[in-house]
N, C-alpha and C. Protein backbone atom coordinates (compact mmCIF):
# COMPACT_ATOMS: atom_id res chain seq x y z
N MET A 1 -22.02 25.82 -1.24
CA MET A 1 -23.12 25.24 -1.97
C MET A 1 -23.56 26.23 -3.05
N LYS A 2 -24.01 25.72 -4.18
CA LYS A 2 -24.47 26.57 -5.27
C LYS A 2 -25.98 26.46 -5.42
N TYR A 3 -26.61 27.61 -5.77
CA TYR A 3 -28.05 27.68 -5.96
C TYR A 3 -28.32 28.27 -7.34
N LEU A 4 -29.09 27.57 -8.15
CA LEU A 4 -29.43 28.02 -9.49
C LEU A 4 -30.69 28.88 -9.44
N CYS A 5 -30.66 30.03 -10.12
CA CYS A 5 -31.83 30.90 -10.20
C CYS A 5 -32.95 30.16 -10.92
N THR A 6 -34.10 30.05 -10.28
CA THR A 6 -35.21 29.31 -10.87
C THR A 6 -35.99 30.14 -11.88
N TYR A 7 -35.68 31.44 -11.97
CA TYR A 7 -36.34 32.28 -12.97
C TYR A 7 -35.59 32.22 -14.30
N CYS A 8 -34.28 32.45 -14.27
CA CYS A 8 -33.52 32.52 -15.52
C CYS A 8 -32.79 31.22 -15.84
N ASN A 9 -32.58 30.37 -14.84
CA ASN A 9 -31.83 29.12 -15.01
C ASN A 9 -30.43 29.34 -15.57
N VAL A 10 -29.87 30.52 -15.33
CA VAL A 10 -28.52 30.84 -15.80
C VAL A 10 -27.61 31.18 -14.63
N PHE A 11 -28.06 32.08 -13.76
CA PHE A 11 -27.23 32.55 -12.66
C PHE A 11 -27.19 31.51 -11.56
N ALA A 12 -26.01 31.22 -11.05
CA ALA A 12 -25.86 30.33 -9.91
C ALA A 12 -25.17 31.09 -8.79
N TYR A 13 -25.83 31.17 -7.64
CA TYR A 13 -25.23 31.80 -6.46
C TYR A 13 -24.37 30.77 -5.75
N ASP A 14 -23.15 31.14 -5.45
CA ASP A 14 -22.20 30.26 -4.77
C ASP A 14 -21.88 30.86 -3.41
N ASP A 15 -22.27 30.16 -2.34
CA ASP A 15 -22.02 30.63 -0.98
C ASP A 15 -20.55 31.02 -0.76
N GLU A 16 -19.64 30.21 -1.28
CA GLU A 16 -18.21 30.45 -1.05
C GLU A 16 -17.73 31.73 -1.71
N LYS A 17 -18.29 32.08 -2.86
CA LYS A 17 -17.85 33.27 -3.60
C LYS A 17 -18.67 34.50 -3.28
N GLY A 18 -19.92 34.33 -2.86
CA GLY A 18 -20.79 35.47 -2.63
C GLY A 18 -21.16 36.11 -3.96
N ASP A 19 -21.58 37.35 -3.93
CA ASP A 19 -21.89 38.12 -5.13
C ASP A 19 -21.40 39.54 -4.87
N LEU A 20 -20.14 39.78 -5.17
CA LEU A 20 -19.52 41.05 -4.83
C LEU A 20 -20.18 42.23 -5.53
N ASN A 21 -20.77 42.01 -6.71
CA ASN A 21 -21.47 43.09 -7.40
C ASN A 21 -22.73 43.50 -6.66
N ALA A 22 -23.29 42.60 -5.88
CA ALA A 22 -24.49 42.90 -5.09
C ALA A 22 -24.14 43.09 -3.61
N ILE A 23 -22.84 43.25 -3.34
CA ILE A 23 -22.32 43.46 -1.98
C ILE A 23 -22.70 42.32 -1.04
N LEU A 24 -22.58 41.10 -1.53
CA LEU A 24 -22.72 39.91 -0.68
C LEU A 24 -21.34 39.29 -0.56
N GLU A 25 -20.78 39.39 0.60
CA GLU A 25 -19.42 38.92 0.85
C GLU A 25 -19.33 37.40 0.69
N PRO A 26 -18.13 36.90 0.36
CA PRO A 26 -17.93 35.45 0.34
C PRO A 26 -18.35 34.84 1.67
N ASP A 27 -18.84 33.61 1.61
CA ASP A 27 -19.33 32.86 2.77
C ASP A 27 -20.66 33.37 3.32
N THR A 28 -21.38 34.22 2.54
CA THR A 28 -22.74 34.61 2.91
C THR A 28 -23.65 33.48 2.47
N THR A 29 -24.30 32.83 3.44
CA THR A 29 -25.17 31.71 3.10
C THR A 29 -26.44 32.21 2.42
N PHE A 30 -27.02 31.36 1.60
CA PHE A 30 -28.23 31.72 0.87
C PHE A 30 -29.36 32.08 1.84
N ASP A 31 -29.40 31.43 2.98
CA ASP A 31 -30.43 31.71 3.99
C ASP A 31 -30.31 33.11 4.59
N ASN A 32 -29.13 33.73 4.48
CA ASN A 32 -28.90 35.06 5.05
C ASN A 32 -29.05 36.18 4.03
N ILE A 33 -29.57 35.87 2.85
CA ILE A 33 -29.77 36.89 1.81
C ILE A 33 -31.19 37.42 1.90
N SER A 34 -31.34 38.72 1.72
CA SER A 34 -32.66 39.36 1.76
C SER A 34 -33.60 38.76 0.72
N ASP A 35 -34.87 38.72 1.04
CA ASP A 35 -35.88 38.22 0.10
C ASP A 35 -36.00 39.11 -1.14
N THR A 36 -35.52 40.34 -1.06
CA THR A 36 -35.60 41.26 -2.20
C THR A 36 -34.36 41.22 -3.09
N TRP A 37 -33.36 40.43 -2.73
CA TRP A 37 -32.13 40.33 -3.51
C TRP A 37 -32.41 39.74 -4.88
N MET A 38 -31.73 40.28 -5.90
CA MET A 38 -31.79 39.72 -7.24
C MET A 38 -30.36 39.50 -7.72
N PRO A 39 -30.12 38.49 -8.54
CA PRO A 39 -28.77 38.26 -9.05
C PRO A 39 -28.20 39.51 -9.71
N SER A 40 -26.93 39.76 -9.48
CA SER A 40 -26.30 40.96 -10.02
C SER A 40 -26.21 40.96 -11.53
N VAL A 41 -26.36 39.81 -12.16
CA VAL A 41 -26.29 39.76 -13.62
C VAL A 41 -27.58 40.24 -14.27
N TRP A 42 -28.65 40.37 -13.47
CA TRP A 42 -29.90 40.89 -14.00
C TRP A 42 -29.79 42.40 -14.16
N ASN A 43 -30.51 42.94 -15.12
CA ASN A 43 -30.64 44.39 -15.21
C ASN A 43 -32.12 44.71 -15.29
N ALA A 44 -32.48 45.97 -15.36
CA ALA A 44 -33.88 46.38 -15.28
C ALA A 44 -34.75 45.71 -16.34
N GLN A 45 -34.22 45.45 -17.51
CA GLN A 45 -35.05 44.84 -18.55
C GLN A 45 -35.31 43.36 -18.31
N ASN A 46 -34.56 42.74 -17.43
CA ASN A 46 -34.74 41.31 -17.16
C ASN A 46 -35.65 41.03 -15.97
N ILE A 47 -35.99 42.05 -15.22
CA ILE A 47 -36.81 41.85 -14.04
C ILE A 47 -38.26 41.60 -14.44
N PRO A 48 -38.83 40.48 -13.99
CA PRO A 48 -40.21 40.19 -14.37
C PRO A 48 -41.16 41.25 -13.83
N GLN A 49 -42.10 41.68 -14.64
CA GLN A 49 -43.09 42.66 -14.25
C GLN A 49 -44.33 41.95 -13.73
N THR A 50 -44.95 42.50 -12.71
CA THR A 50 -46.17 41.91 -12.17
C THR A 50 -47.28 42.95 -12.22
N ASP A 51 -48.47 42.51 -12.50
CA ASP A 51 -49.63 43.41 -12.47
C ASP A 51 -50.19 43.42 -11.06
N LYS A 52 -50.54 44.61 -10.59
CA LYS A 52 -51.11 44.72 -9.23
C LYS A 52 -52.57 45.03 -9.31
């Protein structure tokens, strides 16, 4: 199954392929990904900043 990033609307996570750049092996389901995971195509300048 594929999941589209709701922030950038560009990156799609595919369970079957995983995200090898982020060390997510193929067949890693979206439910088994850490809440802190970010798509590997993002870099520091793309990460949204939040005020605390």
